[in-house]
Amino acid sequence: AWFAEFFCLRRREDDICGRRTPSCLAGSDLLFDSAFVPHADRWVNEYPSKSVCMDFMQRSLDAVLNALQSSRKDQRYPFQLALAHEAMHGEALVMTLNTLGLPSPAFVNGPAVLQKESHDMRFDGGEIKLGDSARAFRFDNEMPPMATTVAPFSISSCVVSASEFAAFAMSTDYTDDRLWSIEGAIWRRSMAEAIRGGRRDAPAMHVSHYEAEAWCRWAGRRLPTEVEWEFAATRSAEFARSTGQVWEWTASPFAAYPGFEPGPYRDYSAPWFGNHQVLRGGSFVTHVRLRYPQYRNFYTAGRRDMFCGFRTCAAAI
């Protein structure tokens, strides 16, 4: 509610802090502005009562919808940003419930069972413009479209299954440092084994980037780059249909495309370039408005609380 009110009603190019237009809840900036409120403080701040917060949410929503109705088409980026932001936080809420062992909302059914045996799909490569789409809304890290060339590659038609990953994770090979990066081995020693759960014929899930890399070395495979992933997703309907069960780790660090300029939400992308890894595709919880081939999700390599897995490429053609 605060985010939508701020970006749709208060922020202006000549007033990027929104000081000239106060919030409809006095003092809300000191509580809800993620650019300035440290994470640790969010647990100890004194918040209004639930009824006051709900009233703020309703008034914010009403004001934003009124402004949307009177807006021109070329003025709607902030409204699209607020909607996408809310979709991301809807998934984050389900992640939090899952981490705490609490039930998910009734509409969350879990990933589908993998119906087919995986096979390699060969692509001859060629030219691609990363981020290029006819979408009305794009995040700043998708722009400007980046032209690049993809070498021939072969990529699996399905994500790695839970049983395929378990064959590695439950073996003594899992603790073989030769299969891990230096950072990955350090991470592995510091972590308690996660409770993976789920059906063995479902996608492997809650797998860190370090674990995905180690599995690939163990299996003689490799992670796809995000360029290869987007190439496959935009060239093959079969590949596109196979996505959307779990977020898929790629081998690519999260980086700006040449000519990048931060959007109105300046803290969305730029602070995380170089220290996060790219995931593609969406999960079974991801809202459909975020499940498109150019969308770049990004997390640090040791995170596995997301609904994330991976697919692989042949190590050589």
C-alpha atoms as a PDB file:
ATOM      1  CA  ALA A   1       0.000   0.000   0.000  1.00  0.00           C
ATOM      2  CA  TRP A   2       2.802   2.408   0.868  1.00  0.00           C
ATOM      3  CA  PHE A   3       4.720   1.519  -2.300  1.00  0.00           C
ATOM      4  CA  ALA A   4       1.686   2.081  -4.550  1.00  0.00           C
ATOM      5  CA  GLU A   5       0.795   5.365  -2.874  1.00  0.00           C
ATOM      6  CA  PHE A   6       4.373   6.612  -3.078  1.00  0.00           C
ATOM      7  CA  PHE A   7       5.140   5.746  -6.702  1.00  0.00           C
ATOM      8  CA  CYS A   8       1.676   6.383  -8.159  1.00  0.00           C
ATOM      9  CA  LEU A   9       0.669   9.489  -6.215  1.00  0.00           C
ATOM     10  CA  ARG A  10       3.607  11.104  -4.477  1.00  0.00           C
ATOM     11  CA  ARG A  11       6.892  10.640  -6.337  1.00  0.00           C
ATOM     12  CA  ARG A  12       7.650  13.119  -9.112  1.00  0.00           C
ATOM     13  CA  GLU A  13      10.807  13.637 -11.155  1.00  0.00           C
ATOM     14  CA  ASP A  14      11.339  16.982  -9.430  1.00  0.00           C
ATOM     15  CA  ASP A  15      10.443  15.498  -6.017  1.00  0.00           C
ATOM     16  CA  ILE A  16      11.813  11.947  -5.983  1.00  0.00           C
ATOM     17  CA  CYS A  17      11.391  11.683  -2.190  1.00  0.00           C
ATOM     18  CA  GLY A  18       7.698  12.616  -2.384  1.00  0.00           C
ATOM     19  CA  ARG A  19       8.021  15.287   0.271  1.00  0.00           C
ATOM     20  CA  ARG A  20       5.582  17.739  -1.319  1.00  0.00           C
ATOM     21  CA  THR A  21       2.731  15.205  -1.255  1.00  0.00           C
ATOM     22  CA  PRO A  22       2.246  13.690   2.200  1.00  0.00           C
ATOM     23  CA  SER A  23       1.086  10.130   2.749  1.00  0.00           C
ATOM     24  CA  CYS A  24      -2.491   9.600   3.866  1.00  0.00           C
ATOM     25  CA  LEU A  25      -0.978   7.897   6.936  1.00  0.00           C
ATOM     26  CA  ALA A  26       1.166  10.309   8.923  1.00  0.00           C
ATOM     27  CA  GLY A  27       4.645   8.942   9.608  1.00  0.00           C
ATOM     28  CA  SER A  28       4.342   6.053   7.133  1.00  0.00           C
ATOM     29  CA  ASP A  29       7.659   6.904   5.424  1.00  0.00           C
ATOM     30  CA  LEU A  30       9.529   6.196   8.655  1.00  0.00           C
ATOM     31  CA  LEU A  31       7.941   2.751   8.831  1.00  0.00           C
ATOM     32  CA  PHE A  32       7.561   1.490   5.274  1.00  0.00           C
ATOM     33  CA  ASP A  33      10.133   3.156   3.009  1.00  0.00           C
ATOM     34  CA  SER A  34      12.469   0.228   2.330  1.00  0.00           C
ATOM     35  CA  ALA A  35      15.113   2.557   0.892  1.00  0.00           C
ATOM     36  CA  PHE A  36      15.713   4.086   4.297  1.00  0.00           C
ATOM     37  CA  VAL A  37      14.398   1.671   6.944  1.00  0.00           C
ATOM     38  CA  PRO A  38      17.074  -0.966   7.769  1.00  0.00           C
ATOM     39  CA  HIS A  39      15.867  -4.565   7.900  1.00  0.00           C
ATOM     40  CA  ALA A  40      16.750  -4.941  11.574  1.00  0.00           C
ATOM     41  CA  ASP A  41      14.668  -1.903  12.497  1.00  0.00           C
ATOM     42  CA  ARG A  42      11.561  -3.361  10.883  1.00  0.00           C
ATOM     43  CA  TRP A  43      11.244  -5.888  13.714  1.00  0.00           C
ATOM     44  CA  VAL A  44      11.341  -3.292  16.476  1.00  0.00           C
ATOM     45  CA  ASN A  45       9.502  -0.291  15.017  1.00  0.00           C
ATOM     46  CA  GLU A  46       6.225   0.641  16.680  1.00  0.00           C
ATOM     47  CA  TYR A  47       3.539   0.094  14.088  1.00  0.00           C
ATOM     48  CA  PRO A  48      -0.062   1.332  14.057  1.00  0.00           C
ATOM     49  CA  SER A  49      -2.814  -1.080  15.004  1.00  0.00           C
ATOM     50  CA  LYS A  50      -4.112  -3.584  12.467  1.00  0.00           C
ATOM     51  CA  SER A  51      -7.279  -1.546  11.942  1.00  0.00           C
ATOM     52  CA  VAL A  52      -5.286   1.625  11.241  1.00  0.00           C
ATOM     53  CA  CYS A  53      -3.070  -0.257   8.779  1.00  0.00           C
ATOM     54  CA  MET A  54      -6.081  -1.780   7.004  1.00  0.00           C
ATOM     55  CA  ASP A  55      -7.698   1.637   6.766  1.00  0.00           C
ATOM     56  CA  PHE A  56      -4.478   3.034   5.265  1.00  0.00           C
ATOM     57  CA  MET A  57      -4.401   0.189   2.737  1.00  0.00           C
ATOM     58  CA  GLN A  58      -7.971   0.859   1.655  1.00  0.00           C
ATOM     59  CA  ARG A  59      -7.512   4.633   1.364  1.00  0.00           C
ATOM     60  CA  SER A  60      -4.289   4.158  -0.562  1.00  0.00           C
ATOM     61  CA  LEU A  61      -5.937   1.694  -2.938  1.00  0.00           C
ATOM     62  CA  ASP A  62      -8.930   3.956  -3.535  1.00  0.00           C
ATOM     63  CA  ALA A  63      -6.698   6.956  -4.270  1.00  0.00           C
ATOM     64  CA  VAL A  64      -4.448   4.966  -6.609  1.00  0.00           C
ATOM     65  CA  LEU A  65      -7.424   3.560  -8.549  1.00  0.00           C
ATOM     66  CA  ASN A  66      -8.919   7.036  -8.893  1.00  0.00           C
ATOM     67  CA  ALA A  67      -5.627   8.363 -10.209  1.00  0.00           C
ATOM     68  CA  LEU A  68      -5.320   5.427 -12.608  1.00  0.00           C
ATOM     69  CA  GLN A  69      -8.766   6.120 -14.079  1.00  0.00           C
ATOM     70  CA  SER A  70      -7.827   9.689 -14.911  1.00  0.00           C
ATOM     71  CA  SER A  71      -4.323   8.882 -16.184  1.00  0.00           C
ATOM     72  CA  ARG A  72      -3.130   8.848 -19.761  1.00  0.00           C
ATOM     73  CA  LYS A  73      -1.560   5.739 -21.297  1.00  0.00           C
ATOM     74  CA  ASP A  74       1.910   7.310 -21.179  1.00  0.00           C
ATOM     75  CA  GLN A  75       1.545   7.963 -17.433  1.00  0.00           C
ATOM     76  CA  ARG A  76       0.921   4.396 -16.330  1.00  0.00           C
ATOM     77  CA  TYR A  77       4.430   3.042 -15.721  1.00  0.00           C
ATOM     78  CA  PRO A  78       4.211   3.719 -11.937  1.00  0.00           C
ATOM     79  CA  PHE A  79       0.892   1.854 -11.725  1.00  0.00           C
ATOM     80  CA  GLN A  80       2.345  -1.124 -13.635  1.00  0.00           C
ATOM     81  CA  LEU A  81       5.410  -1.031 -11.375  1.00  0.00           C
ATOM     82  CA  ALA A  82       3.241  -1.075  -8.242  1.00  0.00           C
ATOM     83  CA  LEU A  83       1.228  -4.004  -9.588  1.00  0.00           C
ATOM     84  CA  ALA A  84       4.375  -5.993 -10.434  1.00  0.00           C
ATOM     85  CA  HIS A  85       5.867  -5.135  -7.033  1.00  0.00           C
ATOM     86  CA  GLU A  86       2.773  -6.481  -5.299  1.00  0.00           C
ATOM     87  CA  ALA A  87       2.935  -9.678  -7.369  1.00  0.00           C
ATOM     88  CA  MET A  88       6.550 -10.222  -6.264  1.00  0.00           C
ATOM     89  CA  HIS A  89       5.639  -9.732  -2.621  1.00  0.00           C
ATOM     90  CA  GLY A  90       2.722 -12.134  -2.931  1.00  0.00           C
ATOM     91  CA  GLU A  91       5.210 -14.860  -3.808  1.00  0.00           C
ATOM     92  CA  ALA A  92       7.569 -13.683  -1.064  1.00  0.00           C
ATOM     93  CA  LEU A  93       4.745 -14.076   1.451  1.00  0.00           C
ATOM     94  CA  VAL A  94       4.203 -17.714   0.394  1.00  0.00           C
ATOM     95  CA  MET A  95       7.984 -18.252   0.668  1.00  0.00           C
ATOM     96  CA  THR A  96       7.885 -16.886   4.224  1.00  0.00           C
ATOM     97  CA  LEU A  97       4.944 -19.078   5.227  1.00  0.00           C
ATOM     98  CA  ASN A  98       6.751 -22.111   3.792  1.00  0.00           C
ATOM     99  CA  THR A  99       9.980 -21.262   5.625  1.00  0.00           C
ATOM    100  CA  LEU A 100       8.081 -20.960   8.915  1.00  0.00           C
ATOM    101  CA  GLY A 101       6.227 -24.232   8.359  1.00  0.00           C
ATOM    102  CA  LEU A 102       2.874 -22.479   8.085  1.00  0.00           C
ATOM    103  CA  PRO A 103       0.188 -23.439   5.537  1.00  0.00           C
ATOM    104  CA  SER A 104       0.131 -21.726   2.167  1.00  0.00           C
ATOM    105  CA  PRO A 105      -3.033 -20.002   0.883  1.00  0.00           C
ATOM    106  CA  ALA A 106      -5.616 -22.392  -0.513  1.00  0.00           C
ATOM    107  CA  PHE A 107      -4.958 -21.361  -4.120  1.00  0.00           C
ATOM    108  CA  VAL A 108      -1.325 -22.562  -3.959  1.00  0.00           C
ATOM    109  CA  ASN A 109      -1.281 -26.162  -5.170  1.00  0.00           C
ATOM    110  CA  GLY A 110       2.429 -26.912  -5.494  1.00  0.00           C
ATOM    111  CA  PRO A 111       4.430 -27.805  -8.594  1.00  0.00           C
ATOM    112  CA  ALA A 112       3.114 -30.325 -11.069  1.00  0.00           C
ATOM    113  CA  VAL A 113       4.608 -33.783 -11.441  1.00  0.00           C
ATOM    114  CA  LEU A 114       7.136 -34.013 -14.272  1.00  0.00           C
ATOM    115  CA  GLN A 115       5.280 -36.027 -16.907  1.00  0.00           C
ATOM    116  CA  LYS A 116       8.016 -36.702 -19.442  1.00  0.00           C
ATOM    117  CA  GLU A 117      11.562 -37.969 -19.425  1.00  0.00           C
ATOM    118  CA  SER A 118      13.990 -35.178 -20.034  1.00  0.00           C
ATOM    119  CA  HIS A 119      15.862 -35.004 -23.303  1.00  0.00           C
ATOM    120  CA  ASP A 120      18.295 -32.509 -24.740  1.00  0.00           C
ATOM    121  CA  MET A 121      16.955 -29.891 -27.104  1.00  0.00           C
ATOM    122  CA  ARG A 122      19.562 -28.652 -29.560  1.00  0.00           C
ATOM    123  CA  PHE A 123      19.666 -25.040 -30.687  1.00  0.00           C
ATOM    124  CA  ASP A 124      21.933 -23.840 -33.467  1.00  0.00           C
ATOM    125  CA  GLY A 125      22.335 -20.460 -31.809  1.00  0.00           C
ATOM    126  CA  GLY A 126      22.289 -17.118 -33.536  1.00  0.00           C
ATOM    127  CA  GLU A 127      21.384 -13.521 -32.807  1.00  0.00           C
ATOM    128  CA  ILE A 128      19.140 -12.458 -29.936  1.00  0.00           C
ATOM    129  CA  LYS A 129      18.162  -9.192 -28.315  1.00  0.00           C
ATOM    130  CA  LEU A 130      17.915  -9.879 -24.606  1.00  0.00           C
ATOM    131  CA  GLY A 131      14.963  -8.082 -23.047  1.00  0.00           C
ATOM    132  CA  ASP A 132      13.335  -7.367 -26.390  1.00  0.00           C
ATOM    133  CA  SER A 133       9.563  -7.729 -26.207  1.00  0.00           C
ATOM    134  CA  ALA A 134       6.337  -5.952 -27.080  1.00  0.00           C
ATOM    135  CA  ARG A 135       5.337  -5.706 -23.422  1.00  0.00           C
ATOM    136  CA  ALA A 136       3.974  -2.362 -22.226  1.00  0.00           C
ATOM    137  CA  PHE A 137       5.893  -2.700 -18.953  1.00  0.00           C
ATOM    138  CA  ARG A 138       9.473  -3.822 -18.420  1.00  0.00           C
ATOM    139  CA  PHE A 139      11.734  -3.629 -15.399  1.00  0.00           C
ATOM    140  CA  ASP A 140      14.778  -1.406 -15.647  1.00  0.00           C
ATOM    141  CA  ASN A 141      17.185  -4.371 -15.680  1.00  0.00           C
ATOM    142  CA  GLU A 142      15.572  -5.632 -18.913  1.00  0.00           C
ATOM    143  CA  MET A 143      16.454  -2.386 -20.702  1.00  0.00           C
ATOM    144  CA  PRO A 144      17.793  -1.396 -23.085  1.00  0.00           C
ATOM    145  CA  PRO A 145      17.577  -4.622 -25.126  1.00  0.00           C
ATOM    146  CA  MET A 146      21.057  -6.117 -25.520  1.00  0.00           C
ATOM    147  CA  ALA A 147      22.027  -7.633 -28.877  1.00  0.00           C
ATOM    148  CA  THR A 148      24.282 -10.655 -28.564  1.00  0.00           C
ATOM    149  CA  THR A 149      25.184 -13.884 -30.329  1.00  0.00           C
ATOM    150  CA  VAL A 150      24.517 -17.348 -28.941  1.00  0.00           C
ATOM    151  CA  ALA A 151      26.753 -20.274 -29.863  1.00  0.00           C
ATOM    152  CA  PRO A 152      25.104 -23.656 -30.558  1.00  0.00           C
ATOM    153  CA  PHE A 153      24.006 -25.434 -27.369  1.00  0.00           C
ATOM    154  CA  SER A 154      21.883 -28.300 -26.076  1.00  0.00           C
ATOM    155  CA  ILE A 155      19.590 -27.785 -23.083  1.00  0.00           C
ATOM    156  CA  SER A 156      17.390 -30.229 -21.180  1.00  0.00           C
ATOM    157  CA  SER A 157      13.670 -30.232 -21.921  1.00  0.00           C
ATOM    158  CA  CYS A 158      12.776 -30.444 -18.208  1.00  0.00           C
ATOM    159  CA  VAL A 159      14.142 -29.194 -14.952  1.00  0.00           C
ATOM    160  CA  VAL A 160      16.069 -31.643 -12.775  1.00  0.00           C
ATOM    161  CA  SER A 161      13.678 -33.786 -10.753  1.00  0.00           C
ATOM    162  CA  ALA A 162      13.677 -34.261  -7.003  1.00  0.00           C
ATOM    163  CA  SER A 163      14.770 -37.892  -7.406  1.00  0.00           C
ATOM    164  CA  GLU A 164      17.631 -36.910  -9.717  1.00  0.00           C
ATOM    165  CA  PHE A 165      18.878 -34.345  -7.258  1.00  0.00           C
ATOM    166  CA  ALA A 166      18.381 -36.671  -4.268  1.00  0.00           C
ATOM    167  CA  ALA A 167      20.709 -39.252  -5.858  1.00  0.00           C
ATOM    168  CA  PHE A 168      23.470 -36.690  -5.394  1.00  0.00           C
ATOM    169  CA  ALA A 169      22.344 -34.977  -2.190  1.00  0.00           C
ATOM    170  CA  MET A 170      21.962 -38.265  -0.295  1.00  0.00           C
ATOM    171  CA  SER A 171      25.280 -39.710  -1.452  1.00  0.00           C
ATOM    172  CA  THR A 172      28.767 -39.264  -0.045  1.00  0.00           C
ATOM    173  CA  ASP A 173      29.586 -37.306  -3.210  1.00  0.00           C
ATOM    174  CA  TYR A 174      27.610 -34.381  -1.790  1.00  0.00           C
ATOM    175  CA  THR A 175      30.473 -33.675   0.602  1.00  0.00           C
ATOM    176  CA  ASP A 176      33.233 -34.077  -1.986  1.00  0.00           C
ATOM    177  CA  ASP A 177      34.872 -30.639  -2.157  1.00  0.00           C
ATOM    178  CA  ARG A 178      36.119 -31.336  -5.685  1.00  0.00           C
ATOM    179  CA  LEU A 179      32.554 -30.920  -6.946  1.00  0.00           C
ATOM    180  CA  TRP A 180      32.065 -27.532  -5.311  1.00  0.00           C
ATOM    181  CA  SER A 181      33.371 -24.054  -5.886  1.00  0.00           C
ATOM    182  CA  ILE A 182      35.456 -22.689  -3.010  1.00  0.00           C
ATOM    183  CA  GLU A 183      32.550 -20.461  -1.960  1.00  0.00           C
ATOM    184  CA  GLY A 184      30.126 -23.342  -2.361  1.00  0.00           C
ATOM    185  CA  ALA A 185      32.133 -25.684  -0.145  1.00  0.00           C
ATOM    186  CA  ILE A 186      32.310 -23.017   2.559  1.00  0.00           C
ATOM    187  CA  TRP A 187      28.546 -22.514   2.264  1.00  0.00           C
ATOM    188  CA  ARG A 188      27.869 -26.275   2.455  1.00  0.00           C
ATOM    189  CA  ARG A 189      29.865 -26.658   5.665  1.00  0.00           C
ATOM    190  CA  SER A 190      27.969 -23.789   7.266  1.00  0.00           C
ATOM    191  CA  MET A 191      24.492 -25.085   6.440  1.00  0.00           C
ATOM    192  CA  ALA A 192      22.251 -27.616   8.077  1.00  0.00           C
ATOM    193  CA  GLU A 193      20.683 -29.907   5.507  1.00  0.00           C
ATOM    194  CA  ALA A 194      17.388 -28.477   4.298  1.00  0.00           C
ATOM    195  CA  ILE A 195      14.156 -30.427   4.559  1.00  0.00           C
ATOM    196  CA  ARG A 196      13.329 -30.669   0.872  1.00  0.00           C
ATOM    197  CA  GLY A 197       9.991 -32.446   1.004  1.00  0.00           C
ATOM    198  CA  GLY A 198       7.757 -32.970  -1.991  1.00  0.00           C
ATOM    199  CA  ARG A 199       7.304 -35.835  -4.443  1.00  0.00           C
ATOM    200  CA  ARG A 200      10.372 -37.398  -5.992  1.00  0.00           C
ATOM    201  CA  ASP A 201       8.839 -37.093  -9.468  1.00  0.00           C
ATOM    202  CA  ALA A 202       8.295 -33.357  -8.953  1.00  0.00           C
ATOM    203  CA  PRO A 203      10.958 -30.752  -9.735  1.00  0.00           C
ATOM    204  CA  ALA A 204      13.923 -30.495  -7.378  1.00  0.00           C
ATOM    205  CA  MET A 205      13.185 -27.451  -5.242  1.00  0.00           C
ATOM    206  CA  HIS A 206      14.840 -25.292  -2.561  1.00  0.00           C
ATOM    207  CA  VAL A 207      18.200 -25.904  -4.199  1.00  0.00           C
ATOM    208  CA  SER A 208      20.904 -23.250  -3.872  1.00  0.00           C
ATOM    209  CA  HIS A 209      23.012 -22.073  -6.803  1.00  0.00           C
ATOM    210  CA  TYR A 210      26.028 -23.701  -5.158  1.00  0.00           C
ATOM    211  CA  GLU A 211      24.191 -27.038  -5.005  1.00  0.00           C
ATOM    212  CA  ALA A 212      23.042 -26.737  -8.619  1.00  0.00           C
ATOM    213  CA  GLU A 213      26.633 -26.117  -9.725  1.00  0.00           C
ATOM    214  CA  ALA A 214      27.882 -29.120  -7.721  1.00  0.00           C
ATOM    215  CA  TRP A 215      25.160 -31.388  -9.142  1.00  0.00           C
ATOM    216  CA  CYS A 216      26.175 -30.351 -12.655  1.00  0.00           C
ATOM    217  CA  ARG A 217      29.834 -31.218 -12.026  1.00  0.00           C
ATOM    218  CA  TRP A 218      28.722 -34.548 -10.544  1.00  0.00           C
ATOM    219  CA  ALA A 219      26.532 -35.314 -13.571  1.00  0.00           C
ATOM    220  CA  GLY A 220      28.919 -33.981 -16.224  1.00  0.00           C
ATOM    221  CA  ARG A 221      26.552 -31.169 -17.136  1.00  0.00           C
ATOM    222  CA  ARG A 222      26.504 -27.383 -16.717  1.00  0.00           C
ATOM    223  CA  LEU A 223      24.012 -24.629 -15.926  1.00  0.00           C
ATOM    224  CA  PRO A 224      22.722 -22.618 -18.894  1.00  0.00           C
ATOM    225  CA  THR A 225      23.614 -18.974 -19.227  1.00  0.00           C
ATOM    226  CA  GLU A 226      20.688 -16.597 -19.074  1.00  0.00           C
ATOM    227  CA  VAL A 227      21.309 -15.818 -22.749  1.00  0.00           C
ATOM    228  CA  GLU A 228      20.878 -19.498 -23.658  1.00  0.00           C
ATOM    229  CA  TRP A 229      17.799 -19.762 -21.437  1.00  0.00           C
ATOM    230  CA  GLU A 230      16.078 -16.739 -23.019  1.00  0.00           C
ATOM    231  CA  PHE A 231      17.058 -17.895 -26.511  1.00  0.00           C
ATOM    232  CA  ALA A 232      15.417 -21.289 -25.911  1.00  0.00           C
ATOM    233  CA  ALA A 233      12.335 -19.767 -24.276  1.00  0.00           C
ATOM    234  CA  THR A 234      11.718 -17.394 -27.181  1.00  0.00           C
ATOM    235  CA  ARG A 235      12.491 -19.885 -29.961  1.00  0.00           C
ATOM    236  CA  SER A 236      10.736 -23.060 -28.813  1.00  0.00           C
ATOM    237  CA  ALA A 237       7.123 -23.510 -27.702  1.00  0.00           C
ATOM    238  CA  GLU A 238       8.060 -26.901 -26.210  1.00  0.00           C
ATOM    239  CA  PHE A 239      10.712 -25.288 -24.053  1.00  0.00           C
ATOM    240  CA  ALA A 240       8.430 -22.405 -23.052  1.00  0.00           C
ATOM    241  CA  ARG A 241       5.720 -24.849 -21.922  1.00  0.00           C
ATOM    242  CA  SER A 242       8.234 -26.643 -19.689  1.00  0.00           C
ATOM    243  CA  THR A 243       8.940 -23.515 -17.626  1.00  0.00           C
ATOM    244  CA  GLY A 244       7.061 -22.015 -14.702  1.00  0.00           C
ATOM    245  CA  GLN A 245       7.269 -24.870 -12.190  1.00  0.00           C
ATOM    246  CA  VAL A 246      10.327 -23.619 -10.301  1.00  0.00           C
ATOM    247  CA  TRP A 247      12.656 -20.665 -10.702  1.00  0.00           C
ATOM    248  CA  GLU A 248      15.667 -21.885 -12.655  1.00  0.00           C
ATOM    249  CA  TRP A 249      19.196 -20.925 -11.673  1.00  0.00           C
ATOM    250  CA  THR A 250      21.467 -19.841 -14.504  1.00  0.00           C
ATOM    251  CA  ALA A 251      25.245 -19.562 -14.695  1.00  0.00           C
ATOM    252  CA  SER A 252      24.978 -15.791 -15.183  1.00  0.00           C
ATOM    253  CA  PRO A 253      25.766 -13.201 -12.510  1.00  0.00           C
ATOM    254  CA  PHE A 254      23.143 -10.468 -12.330  1.00  0.00           C
ATOM    255  CA  ALA A 255      24.580  -7.573 -14.340  1.00  0.00           C
ATOM    256  CA  ALA A 256      23.364  -4.489 -16.170  1.00  0.00           C
ATOM    257  CA  TYR A 257      22.802  -4.507 -19.901  1.00  0.00           C
ATOM    258  CA  PRO A 258      24.947  -1.877 -21.661  1.00  0.00           C
ATOM    259  CA  GLY A 259      23.238   1.517 -21.459  1.00  0.00           C
ATOM    260  CA  PHE A 260      21.278   0.599 -18.302  1.00  0.00           C
ATOM    261  CA  GLU A 261      19.546   3.449 -16.511  1.00  0.00           C
ATOM    262  CA  PRO A 262      17.808   2.923 -13.170  1.00  0.00           C
ATOM    263  CA  GLY A 263      14.040   3.343 -13.211  1.00  0.00           C
ATOM    264  CA  PRO A 264      11.926   5.257 -10.683  1.00  0.00           C
ATOM    265  CA  TYR A 265      12.433   2.416  -8.175  1.00  0.00           C
ATOM    266  CA  ARG A 266      16.171   3.022  -8.078  1.00  0.00           C
ATOM    267  CA  ASP A 267      16.936   0.354  -5.478  1.00  0.00           C
ATOM    268  CA  TYR A 268      15.319  -2.472  -7.443  1.00  0.00           C
ATOM    269  CA  SER A 269      18.279  -3.551  -9.581  1.00  0.00           C
ATOM    270  CA  ALA A 270      21.420  -1.430  -9.325  1.00  0.00           C
ATOM    271  CA  PRO A 271      22.470  -2.331  -5.742  1.00  0.00           C
ATOM    272  CA  TRP A 272      22.502  -6.034  -6.605  1.00  0.00           C
ATOM    273  CA  PHE A 273      24.531  -6.073  -9.806  1.00  0.00           C
ATOM    274  CA  GLY A 274      27.579  -8.310  -9.447  1.00  0.00           C
ATOM    275  CA  ASN A 275      26.637 -10.033  -6.179  1.00  0.00           C
ATOM    276  CA  HIS A 276      23.511 -11.987  -7.183  1.00  0.00           C
ATOM    277  CA  GLN A 277      22.802 -14.778  -9.680  1.00  0.00           C
ATOM    278  CA  VAL A 278      20.058 -14.714 -12.306  1.00  0.00           C
ATOM    279  CA  LEU A 279      17.098 -17.090 -12.189  1.00  0.00           C
ATOM    280  CA  ARG A 280      14.583 -17.393 -15.012  1.00  0.00           C
ATOM    281  CA  GLY A 281      11.152 -18.820 -15.725  1.00  0.00           C
ATOM    282  CA  GLY A 282       8.954 -18.369 -12.653  1.00  0.00           C
ATOM    283  CA  SER A 283       7.592 -20.858 -10.137  1.00  0.00           C
ATOM    284  CA  PHE A 284       4.190 -22.397  -9.474  1.00  0.00           C
ATOM    285  CA  VAL A 285       3.534 -19.465  -7.111  1.00  0.00           C
ATOM    286  CA  THR A 286       4.655 -16.709  -9.491  1.00  0.00           C
ATOM    287  CA  HIS A 287       1.885 -14.458 -10.778  1.00  0.00           C
ATOM    288  CA  VAL A 288       1.293 -14.780 -14.525  1.00  0.00           C
ATOM    289  CA  ARG A 289       2.242 -11.128 -15.061  1.00  0.00           C
ATOM    290  CA  LEU A 290       5.811 -11.976 -14.034  1.00  0.00           C
ATOM    291  CA  ARG A 291       6.051 -15.249 -15.905  1.00  0.00           C
ATOM    292  CA  TYR A 292       7.513 -14.082 -19.200  1.00  0.00           C
ATOM    293  CA  PRO A 293      10.798 -15.032 -20.943  1.00  0.00           C
ATOM    294  CA  GLN A 294      12.617 -11.735 -20.384  1.00  0.00           C
ATOM    295  CA  TYR A 295      11.949 -11.476 -16.638  1.00  0.00           C
ATOM    296  CA  ARG A 296      15.160 -11.631 -14.587  1.00  0.00           C
ATOM    297  CA  ASN A 297      14.857 -12.777 -10.990  1.00  0.00           C
ATOM    298  CA  PHE A 298      17.996 -12.590  -8.857  1.00  0.00           C
ATOM    299  CA  TYR A 299      19.196 -13.942  -5.525  1.00  0.00           C
ATOM    300  CA  THR A 300      22.485 -14.597  -3.777  1.00  0.00           C
ATOM    301  CA  ALA A 301      23.995 -18.006  -4.544  1.00  0.00           C
ATOM    302  CA  GLY A 302      23.410 -19.436  -1.060  1.00  0.00           C
ATOM    303  CA  ARG A 303      19.660 -18.760  -0.914  1.00  0.00           C
ATOM    304  CA  ARG A 304      17.337 -21.735  -1.250  1.00  0.00           C
ATOM    305  CA  ASP A 305      14.185 -20.623   0.551  1.00  0.00           C
ATOM    306  CA  MET A 306      12.722 -19.653  -2.837  1.00  0.00           C
ATOM    307  CA  PHE A 307      10.787 -22.126  -4.983  1.00  0.00           C
ATOM    308  CA  CYS A 308      13.902 -22.653  -7.055  1.00  0.00           C
ATOM    309  CA  GLY A 309      15.471 -25.502  -8.983  1.00  0.00           C
ATOM    310  CA  PHE A 310      17.462 -25.786 -12.172  1.00  0.00           C
ATOM    311  CA  ARG A 311      17.840 -27.372 -15.587  1.00  0.00           C
ATOM    312  CA  THR A 312      21.100 -28.161 -17.322  1.00  0.00           C
ATOM    313  CA  CYS A 313      22.975 -27.992 -20.599  1.00  0.00           C
ATOM    314  CA  ALA A 314      25.212 -30.582 -22.204  1.00  0.00           C
ATOM    315  CA  ALA A 315      28.777 -29.745 -21.186  1.00  0.00           C
ATOM    316  CA  ALA A 316      29.894 -29.843 -24.824  1.00  0.00           C
ATOM    317  CA  ILE A 317      28.298 -30.255 -28.239  1.00  0.00           C
END
